[in-house]
């Protein structure tokens, strides 16, 4: 994979791995921007898996690797937090 490919259209993940001293909160912000930039029809979990296959072997301790792993597990098990169905009705 390279900067600007289908898995990372804006090159955000690519660039995050190049930033010296990047923190986990900064990686989370970048991850959110990345996720929002994906086309709706693209499977996010599959895409995260491809990114991890690319970056994790060489940089297993990088904060973005940790954020991608968290994102993969969160995307795999979405849960509803409430909404109108959760509220009591009269």
PDB file of N, CA and C in Angstrom:
ATOM      1  N   UNK A   1       0.830  -1.179   0.000  1.00  0.00           N
ATOM      2  CA  UNK A   1       0.000   0.000   0.000  1.00  0.00           C
ATOM      3  C   UNK A   1       0.876   1.244   0.000  1.00  0.00           C
ATOM      4  N   UNK A   2       0.305   2.292  -0.495  1.00  0.00           N
ATOM      5  CA  UNK A   2       1.039   3.541  -0.560  1.00  0.00           C
ATOM      6  C   UNK A   2       0.114   4.690  -0.200  1.00  0.00           C
ATOM      7  N   UNK A   3       0.704   5.844  -0.075  1.00  0.00           N
ATOM      8  CA  UNK A   3      -0.075   7.034   0.229  1.00  0.00           C
ATOM      9  C   UNK A   3      -1.091   7.280  -0.884  1.00  0.00           C
ATOM     10  N   UNK A   4      -2.327   7.458  -0.490  1.00  0.00           N
ATOM     11  CA  UNK A   4      -3.376   7.782  -1.444  1.00  0.00           C
ATOM     12  C   UNK A   4      -3.993   6.583  -2.140  1.00  0.00           C
ATOM     13  N   UNK A   5      -3.874   5.378  -1.601  1.00  0.00           N
ATOM     14  CA  UNK A   5      -4.495   4.217  -2.226  1.00  0.00           C
ATOM     15  C   UNK A   5      -5.922   4.035  -1.702  1.00  0.00           C
ATOM     16  N   UNK A   6      -6.578   2.957  -2.097  1.00  0.00           N
ATOM     17  CA  UNK A   6      -7.980   2.734  -1.731  1.00  0.00           C
ATOM     18  C   UNK A   6      -8.181   2.587  -0.224  1.00  0.00           C
ATOM     19  N   UNK A   7      -7.183   2.043   0.484  1.00  0.00           N
ATOM     20  CA  UNK A   7      -7.316   1.870   1.928  1.00  0.00           C
ATOM     21  C   UNK A   7      -7.056   3.170   2.696  1.00  0.00           C
ATOM     22  N   UNK A   8      -6.337   4.065   2.094  1.00  0.00           N
ATOM     23  CA  UNK A   8      -5.947   5.317   2.765  1.00  0.00           C
ATOM     24  C   UNK A   8      -5.978   6.463   1.746  1.00  0.00           C
ATOM     25  N   UNK A   9      -7.189   6.839   1.312  1.00  0.00           N
ATOM     26  CA  UNK A   9      -7.326   7.795   0.208  1.00  0.00           C
ATOM     27  C   UNK A   9      -6.595   9.126   0.406  1.00  0.00           C
ATOM     28  N   UNK A  10      -6.595   9.639   1.616  1.00  0.00           N
ATOM     29  CA  UNK A  10      -5.940  10.924   1.884  1.00  0.00           C
ATOM     30  C   UNK A  10      -4.512  10.761   2.404  1.00  0.00           C
ATOM     31  N   UNK A  11      -4.074   9.535   2.585  1.00  0.00           N
ATOM     32  CA  UNK A  11      -2.732   9.273   3.089  1.00  0.00           C
ATOM     33  C   UNK A  11      -2.568   9.569   4.567  1.00  0.00           C
ATOM     34  N   UNK A  12      -3.657   9.610   5.311  1.00  0.00           N
ATOM     35  CA  UNK A  12      -3.602   9.966   6.735  1.00  0.00           C
ATOM     36  C   UNK A  12      -2.886   8.915   7.578  1.00  0.00           C
ATOM     37  N   UNK A  13      -3.200   7.664   7.347  1.00  0.00           N
ATOM     38  CA  UNK A  13      -2.567   6.595   8.123  1.00  0.00           C
ATOM     39  C   UNK A  13      -1.084   6.522   7.757  1.00  0.00           C
ATOM     40  N   UNK A  14      -0.798   6.593   6.481  1.00  0.00           N
ATOM     41  CA  UNK A  14       0.578   6.590   6.003  1.00  0.00           C
ATOM     42  C   UNK A  14       1.399   7.674   6.694  1.00  0.00           C
ATOM     43  N   UNK A  15       0.871   8.875   6.721  1.00  0.00           N
ATOM     44  CA  UNK A  15       1.591  10.011   7.319  1.00  0.00           C
ATOM     45  C   UNK A  15       1.719   9.860   8.831  1.00  0.00           C
ATOM     46  N   UNK A  16       0.709   9.279   9.483  1.00  0.00           N
ATOM     47  CA  UNK A  16       0.771   9.133  10.940  1.00  0.00           C
ATOM     48  C   UNK A  16       1.950   8.257  11.360  1.00  0.00           C
ATOM     49  N   UNK A  17       2.258   7.260  10.557  1.00  0.00           N
ATOM     50  CA  UNK A  17       3.395   6.386  10.871  1.00  0.00           C
ATOM     51  C   UNK A  17       4.734   7.085  10.641  1.00  0.00           C
ATOM     52  N   UNK A  18       4.727   8.188   9.958  1.00  0.00           N
ATOM     53  CA  UNK A  18       5.966   8.916   9.684  1.00  0.00           C
ATOM     54  C   UNK A  18       6.222  10.049  10.679  1.00  0.00           C
ATOM     55  N   UNK A  19       5.239  10.356  11.523  1.00  0.00           N
ATOM     56  CA  UNK A  19       5.373  11.454  12.484  1.00  0.00           C
ATOM     57  C   UNK A  19       6.113  10.956  13.728  1.00  0.00           C
ATOM     58  N   UNK A  20       7.263  11.517  13.955  1.00  0.00           N
ATOM     59  CA  UNK A  20       8.078  11.137  15.128  1.00  0.00           C
ATOM     60  C   UNK A  20       7.395  11.633  16.409  1.00  0.00           C
ATOM     61  N   UNK A  21       7.261  10.758  17.391  1.00  0.00           N
ATOM     62  CA  UNK A  21       6.726  11.139  18.686  1.00  0.00           C
ATOM     63  C   UNK A  21       5.217  11.338  18.724  1.00  0.00           C
ATOM     64  N   UNK A  22       4.496  10.827  17.740  1.00  0.00           N
ATOM     65  CA  UNK A  22       3.042  10.981  17.721  1.00  0.00           C
ATOM     66  C   UNK A  22       2.438  10.241  18.916  1.00  0.00           C
ATOM     67  N   UNK A  23       1.378  10.803  19.474  1.00  0.00           N
ATOM     68  CA  UNK A  23       0.737  10.213  20.652  1.00  0.00           C
ATOM     69  C   UNK A  23      -0.534   9.463  20.262  1.00  0.00           C
ATOM     70  N   UNK A  24      -1.010   8.635  21.175  1.00  0.00           N
ATOM     71  CA  UNK A  24      -2.225   7.876  20.914  1.00  0.00           C
ATOM     72  C   UNK A  24      -3.441   8.783  20.704  1.00  0.00           C
ATOM     73  N   UNK A  25      -3.627   9.843  21.511  1.00  0.00           N
ATOM     74  CA  UNK A  25      -4.760  10.734  21.237  1.00  0.00           C
ATOM     75  C   UNK A  25      -4.682  11.379  19.845  1.00  0.00           C
ATOM     76  N   UNK A  26      -3.492  11.720  19.410  1.00  0.00           N
ATOM     77  CA  UNK A  26      -3.341  12.281  18.060  1.00  0.00           C
ATOM     78  C   UNK A  26      -3.689  11.231  17.009  1.00  0.00           C
ATOM     79  N   UNK A  27      -3.295   9.987  17.259  1.00  0.00           N
ATOM     80  CA  UNK A  27      -3.621   8.897  16.335  1.00  0.00           C
ATOM     81  C   UNK A  27      -5.135   8.667  16.273  1.00  0.00           C
ATOM     82  N   UNK A  28      -5.809   8.787  17.405  1.00  0.00           N
ATOM     83  CA  UNK A  28      -7.268   8.629  17.413  1.00  0.00           C
ATOM     84  C   UNK A  28      -7.945   9.704  16.561  1.00  0.00           C
ATOM     85  N   UNK A  29      -7.448  10.919  16.661  1.00  0.00           N
ATOM     86  CA  UNK A  29      -8.002  12.010  15.855  1.00  0.00           C
ATOM     87  C   UNK A  29      -7.793  11.733  14.372  1.00  0.00           C
ATOM     88  N   UNK A  30      -6.600  11.294  14.021  1.00  0.00           N
ATOM     89  CA  UNK A  30      -6.294  10.965  12.625  1.00  0.00           C
ATOM     90  C   UNK A  30      -7.164   9.799  12.158  1.00  0.00           C
ATOM     91  N   UNK A  31      -7.328   8.791  13.020  1.00  0.00           N
ATOM     92  CA  UNK A  31      -8.155   7.632  12.678  1.00  0.00           C
ATOM     93  C   UNK A  31      -9.596   8.059  12.392  1.00  0.00           C
ATOM     94  N   UNK A  32     -10.142   8.926  13.212  1.00  0.00           N
ATOM     95  CA  UNK A  32     -11.507   9.398  13.002  1.00  0.00           C
ATOM     96  C   UNK A  32     -11.630  10.124  11.665  1.00  0.00           C
ATOM     97  N   UNK A  33     -10.685  10.995  11.367  1.00  0.00           N
ATOM     98  CA  UNK A  33     -10.694  11.699  10.084  1.00  0.00           C
ATOM     99  C   UNK A  33     -10.588  10.701   8.936  1.00  0.00           C
ATOM    100  N   UNK A  34      -9.721   9.708   9.094  1.00  0.00           N
ATOM    101  CA  UNK A  34      -9.562   8.671   8.078  1.00  0.00           C
ATOM    102  C   UNK A  34     -10.880   7.925   7.864  1.00  0.00           C
ATOM    103  N   UNK A  35     -11.514   7.493   8.960  1.00  0.00           N
ATOM    104  CA  UNK A  35     -12.755   6.717   8.866  1.00  0.00           C
ATOM    105  C   UNK A  35     -13.860   7.519   8.184  1.00  0.00           C
ATOM    106  N   UNK A  36     -13.913   8.802   8.483  1.00  0.00           N
ATOM    107  CA  UNK A  36     -14.941   9.649   7.868  1.00  0.00           C
ATOM    108  C   UNK A  36     -14.677   9.910   6.392  1.00  0.00           C
ATOM    109  N   UNK A  37     -13.441   9.716   5.953  1.00  0.00           N
ATOM    110  CA  UNK A  37     -13.111   9.981   4.548  1.00  0.00           C
ATOM    111  C   UNK A  37     -13.338   8.771   3.646  1.00  0.00           C
ATOM    112  N   UNK A  38     -13.625   7.606   4.229  1.00  0.00           N
ATOM    113  CA  UNK A  38     -13.857   6.409   3.420  1.00  0.00           C
ATOM    114  C   UNK A  38     -15.223   6.474   2.749  1.00  0.00           C
ATOM    115  N   UNK A  39     -15.340   5.916   1.554  1.00  0.00           N
ATOM    116  CA  UNK A  39     -16.655   5.834   0.908  1.00  0.00           C
ATOM    117  C   UNK A  39     -17.604   4.964   1.738  1.00  0.00           C
ATOM    118  N   UNK A  40     -18.879   5.287   1.731  1.00  0.00           N
ATOM    119  CA  UNK A  40     -19.864   4.558   2.534  1.00  0.00           C
ATOM    120  C   UNK A  40     -19.910   3.070   2.199  1.00  0.00           C
ATOM    121  N   UNK A  41     -19.697   2.740   0.941  1.00  0.00           N
ATOM    122  CA  UNK A  41     -19.795   1.333   0.528  1.00  0.00           C
ATOM    123  C   UNK A  41     -18.554   0.507   0.894  1.00  0.00           C
ATOM    124  N   UNK A  42     -17.505   1.146   1.359  1.00  0.00           N
ATOM    125  CA  UNK A  42     -16.271   0.431   1.696  1.00  0.00           C
ATOM    126  C   UNK A  42     -16.395  -0.206   3.076  1.00  0.00           C
ATOM    127  N   UNK A  43     -16.035  -1.478   3.181  1.00  0.00           N
ATOM    128  CA  UNK A  43     -16.089  -2.207   4.441  1.00  0.00           C
ATOM    129  C   UNK A  43     -14.930  -1.749   5.328  1.00  0.00           C
ATOM    130  N   UNK A  44     -15.248  -1.061   6.399  1.00  0.00           N
ATOM    131  CA  UNK A  44     -14.226  -0.472   7.269  1.00  0.00           C
ATOM    132  C   UNK A  44     -13.376  -1.534   7.953  1.00  0.00           C
ATOM    133  N   UNK A  45     -13.990  -2.602   8.439  1.00  0.00           N
ATOM    134  CA  UNK A  45     -13.232  -3.651   9.132  1.00  0.00           C
ATOM    135  C   UNK A  45     -12.217  -4.309   8.209  1.00  0.00           C
ATOM    136  N   UNK A  46     -12.629  -4.593   6.989  1.00  0.00           N
ATOM    137  CA  UNK A  46     -11.714  -5.190   6.014  1.00  0.00           C
ATOM    138  C   UNK A  46     -10.566  -4.246   5.712  1.00  0.00           C
ATOM    139  N   UNK A  47     -10.882  -2.975   5.569  1.00  0.00           N
ATOM    140  CA  UNK A  47      -9.864  -1.974   5.261  1.00  0.00           C
ATOM    141  C   UNK A  47      -8.871  -1.832   6.411  1.00  0.00           C
ATOM    142  N   UNK A  48      -9.363  -1.806   7.636  1.00  0.00           N
ATOM    143  CA  UNK A  48      -8.478  -1.725   8.806  1.00  0.00           C
ATOM    144  C   UNK A  48      -7.564  -2.952   8.837  1.00  0.00           C
ATOM    145  N   UNK A  49      -8.119  -4.124   8.549  1.00  0.00           N
ATOM    146  CA  UNK A  49      -7.323  -5.342   8.517  1.00  0.00           C
ATOM    147  C   UNK A  49      -6.184  -5.264   7.511  1.00  0.00           C
ATOM    148  N   UNK A  50      -6.449  -4.686   6.347  1.00  0.00           N
ATOM    149  CA  UNK A  50      -5.412  -4.521   5.326  1.00  0.00           C
ATOM    150  C   UNK A  50      -4.342  -3.536   5.783  1.00  0.00           C
ATOM    151  N   UNK A  51      -4.765  -2.468   6.444  1.00  0.00           N
ATOM    152  CA  UNK A  51      -3.794  -1.501   6.956  1.00  0.00           C
ATOM    153  C   UNK A  51      -2.909  -2.132   8.033  1.00  0.00           C
ATOM    154  N   UNK A  52      -3.524  -2.921   8.907  1.00  0.00           N
ATOM    155  CA  UNK A  52      -2.743  -3.599   9.947  1.00  0.00           C
ATOM    156  C   UNK A  52      -1.755  -4.593   9.334  1.00  0.00           C
ATOM    157  N   UNK A  53      -2.174  -5.297   8.303  1.00  0.00           N
ATOM    158  CA  UNK A  53      -1.270  -6.242   7.638  1.00  0.00           C
ATOM    159  C   UNK A  53      -0.071  -5.509   7.042  1.00  0.00           C
ATOM    160  N   UNK A  54      -0.289  -4.290   6.610  1.00  0.00           N
ATOM    161  CA  UNK A  54       0.785  -3.486   6.022  1.00  0.00           C
ATOM    162  C   UNK A  54       1.729  -2.916   7.081  1.00  0.00           C
ATOM    163  N   UNK A  55       1.183  -2.343   8.140  1.00  0.00           N
ATOM    164  CA  UNK A  55       2.002  -1.577   9.082  1.00  0.00           C
ATOM    165  C   UNK A  55       2.409  -2.315  10.354  1.00  0.00           C
ATOM    166  N   UNK A  56       1.572  -3.209  10.845  1.00  0.00           N
ATOM    167  CA  UNK A  56       1.839  -3.846  12.133  1.00  0.00           C
ATOM    168  C   UNK A  56       3.127  -4.676  12.174  1.00  0.00           C
ATOM    169  N   UNK A  57       3.475  -5.427  11.133  1.00  0.00           N
ATOM    170  CA  UNK A  57       4.705  -6.223  11.230  1.00  0.00           C
ATOM    171  C   UNK A  57       5.965  -5.385  11.497  1.00  0.00           C
ATOM    172  N   UNK A  58       6.053  -4.220  10.893  1.00  0.00           N
ATOM    173  CA  UNK A  58       7.244  -3.387  11.061  1.00  0.00           C
ATOM    174  C   UNK A  58       7.146  -2.437  12.257  1.00  0.00           C
ATOM    175  N   UNK A  59       5.918  -2.123  12.688  1.00  0.00           N
ATOM    176  CA  UNK A  59       5.748  -1.146  13.767  1.00  0.00           C
ATOM    177  C   UNK A  59       4.674  -1.603  14.752  1.00  0.00           C
ATOM    178  N   UNK A  60       4.910  -2.731  15.417  1.00  0.00           N
ATOM    179  CA  UNK A  60       3.879  -3.275  16.310  1.00  0.00           C
ATOM    180  C   UNK A  60       3.593  -2.412  17.539  1.00  0.00           C
ATOM    181  N   UNK A  61       4.546  -1.583  17.957  1.00  0.00           N
ATOM    182  CA  UNK A  61       4.363  -0.771  19.158  1.00  0.00           C
ATOM    183  C   UNK A  61       3.966   0.669  18.865  1.00  0.00           C
ATOM    184  N   UNK A  62       3.704   0.982  17.617  1.00  0.00           N
ATOM    185  CA  UNK A  62       3.327   2.352  17.245  1.00  0.00           C
ATOM    186  C   UNK A  62       1.913   2.640  17.758  1.00  0.00           C
ATOM    187  N   UNK A  63       1.652   3.866  18.236  1.00  0.00           N
ATOM    188  CA  UNK A  63       0.305   4.180  18.733  1.00  0.00           C
ATOM    189  C   UNK A  63      -0.788   4.012  17.679  1.00  0.00           C
ATOM    190  N   UNK A  64      -0.471   4.244  16.403  1.00  0.00           N
ATOM    191  CA  UNK A  64      -1.496   4.068  15.365  1.00  0.00           C
ATOM    192  C   UNK A  64      -1.838   2.594  15.198  1.00  0.00           C
ATOM    193  N   UNK A  65      -0.879   1.713  15.377  1.00  0.00           N
ATOM    194  CA  UNK A  65      -1.155   0.278  15.321  1.00  0.00           C
ATOM    195  C   UNK A  65      -2.146  -0.097  16.416  1.00  0.00           C
ATOM    196  N   UNK A  66      -1.940   0.462  17.601  1.00  0.00           N
ATOM    197  CA  UNK A  66      -2.860   0.206  18.717  1.00  0.00           C
ATOM    198  C   UNK A  66      -4.257   0.743  18.409  1.00  0.00           C
ATOM    199  N   UNK A  67      -4.325   1.945  17.862  1.00  0.00           N
ATOM    200  CA  UNK A  67      -5.617   2.551  17.525  1.00  0.00           C
ATOM    201  C   UNK A  67      -6.315   1.742  16.424  1.00  0.00           C
ATOM    202  N   UNK A  68      -5.570   1.294  15.424  1.00  0.00           N
ATOM    203  CA  UNK A  68      -6.163   0.475  14.362  1.00  0.00           C
ATOM    204  C   UNK A  68      -6.706  -0.837  14.928  1.00  0.00           C
ATOM    205  N   UNK A  69      -5.963  -1.466  15.840  1.00  0.00           N
ATOM    206  CA  UNK A  69      -6.447  -2.699  16.471  1.00  0.00           C
ATOM    207  C   UNK A  69      -7.716  -2.444  17.272  1.00  0.00           C
ATOM    208  N   UNK A  70      -7.751  -1.344  17.995  1.00  0.00           N
ATOM    209  CA  UNK A  70      -8.957  -0.995  18.748  1.00  0.00           C
ATOM    210  C   UNK A  70     -10.122  -0.751  17.789  1.00  0.00           C
ATOM    211  N   UNK A  71      -9.844  -0.053  16.704  1.00  0.00           N
ATOM    212  CA  UNK A  71     -10.880   0.218  15.707  1.00  0.00           C
ATOM    213  C   UNK A  71     -11.405  -1.056  15.073  1.00  0.00           C
ATOM    214  N   UNK A  72     -10.527  -2.001  14.822  1.00  0.00           N
ATOM    215  CA  UNK A  72     -10.935  -3.271  14.227  1.00  0.00           C
ATOM    216  C   UNK A  72     -11.889  -4.010  15.154  1.00  0.00           C
ATOM    217  N   UNK A  73     -11.584  -4.038  16.439  1.00  0.00           N
ATOM    218  CA  UNK A  73     -12.442  -4.745  17.389  1.00  0.00           C
ATOM    219  C   UNK A  73     -13.741  -3.984  17.649  1.00  0.00           C
ATOM    220  N   UNK A  74     -13.680  -2.680  17.648  1.00  0.00           N
ATOM    221  CA  UNK A  74     -14.883  -1.873  17.856  1.00  0.00           C
ATOM    222  C   UNK A  74     -15.816  -1.975  16.656  1.00  0.00           C
ATOM    223  N   UNK A  75     -15.244  -1.955  15.451  1.00  0.00           N
ATOM    224  CA  UNK A  75     -16.057  -2.061  14.238  1.00  0.00           C
ATOM    225  C   UNK A  75     -16.677  -3.450  14.111  1.00  0.00           C
ATOM    226  N   UNK A  76     -15.986  -4.464  14.617  1.00  0.00           N
ATOM    227  CA  UNK A  76     -16.482  -5.836  14.509  1.00  0.00           C
ATOM    228  C   UNK A  76     -17.672  -6.074  15.429  1.00  0.00           C
ATOM    229  N   UNK A  77     -17.791  -5.304  16.511  1.00  0.00           N
ATOM    230  CA  UNK A  77     -18.875  -5.510  17.473  1.00  0.00           C
ATOM    231  C   UNK A  77     -19.564  -4.195  17.806  1.00  0.00           C
ATOM    232  N   UNK A  78     -20.265  -3.607  16.824  1.00  0.00           N
ATOM    233  CA  UNK A  78     -20.948  -2.353  17.128  1.00  0.00           C
ATOM    234  C   UNK A  78     -22.089  -2.590  18.108  1.00  0.00           C
ATOM    235  N   UNK A  79     -22.377  -1.582  18.904  1.00  0.00           N
ATOM    236  CA  UNK A  79     -23.479  -1.730  19.835  1.00  0.00           C
ATOM    237  C   UNK A  79     -24.287  -0.449  19.877  1.00  0.00           C
ATOM    238  N   UNK A  80     -25.558  -0.616  20.095  1.00  0.00           N
ATOM    239  CA  UNK A  80     -26.485   0.501  20.132  1.00  0.00           C
ATOM    240  C   UNK A  80     -26.426   1.140  21.512  1.00  0.00           C
ATOM    241  N   UNK A  81     -26.475   2.459  21.532  1.00  0.00           N
ATOM    242  CA  UNK A  81     -26.398   3.171  22.809  1.00  0.00           C
ATOM    243  C   UNK A  81     -27.719   3.766  23.264  1.00  0.00           C
ATOM    244  N   UNK A  82     -28.749   3.585  22.525  1.00  0.00           N
ATOM    245  CA  UNK A  82     -30.020   4.153  22.959  1.00  0.00           C
ATOM    246  C   UNK A  82     -30.783   4.716  21.788  1.00  0.00           C
ATOM    247  N   UNK A  83     -31.227   5.950  21.928  1.00  0.00           N
ATOM    248  CA  UNK A  83     -32.035   6.553  20.882  1.00  0.00           C
ATOM    249  C   UNK A  83     -33.494   6.494  21.274  1.00  0.00           C
ATOM    250  N   UNK A  84     -34.334   6.745  20.314  1.00  0.00           N
ATOM    251  CA  UNK A  84     -35.761   6.833  20.613  1.00  0.00           C
ATOM    252  C   UNK A  84     -36.345   5.504  21.075  1.00  0.00           C
ATOM    253  N   UNK A  85     -35.802   4.387  20.637  1.00  0.00           N
ATOM    254  CA  UNK A  85     -36.333   3.083  21.060  1.00  0.00           C
ATOM    255  C   UNK A  85     -36.009   2.777  22.517  1.00  0.00           C
ATOM    256  N   UNK A  86     -34.976   3.379  23.029  1.00  0.00           N
ATOM    257  CA  UNK A  86     -34.550   3.123  24.408  1.00  0.00           C
ATOM    258  C   UNK A  86     -35.371   3.939  25.417  1.00  0.00           C
ATOM    259  N   UNK A  87     -35.925   5.048  24.978  1.00  0.00           N
ATOM    260  CA  UNK A  87     -36.686   5.919  25.896  1.00  0.00           C
ATOM    261  C   UNK A  87     -38.037   5.305  26.244  1.00  0.00           C
ATOM    262  N   UNK A  88     -38.459   5.567  27.474  1.00  0.00           N
ATOM    263  CA  UNK A  88     -39.771   5.064  27.903  1.00  0.00           C
ATOM    264  C   UNK A  88     -40.864   5.903  27.254  1.00  0.00           C
ATOM    265  N   UNK A  89     -41.977   5.239  26.985  1.00  0.00           N
ATOM    266  CA  UNK A  89     -43.110   5.919  26.370  1.00  0.00           C
ATOM    267  C   UNK A  89     -44.300   5.881  27.337  1.00  0.00           C
ATOM    268  N   UNK A  90     -45.167   6.850  27.202  1.00  0.00           N
ATOM    269  CA  UNK A  90     -46.379   6.907  28.053  1.00  0.00           C
ATOM    270  C   UNK A  90     -47.500   6.129  27.469  1.00  0.00           C
TER     271      UNK A  90
END
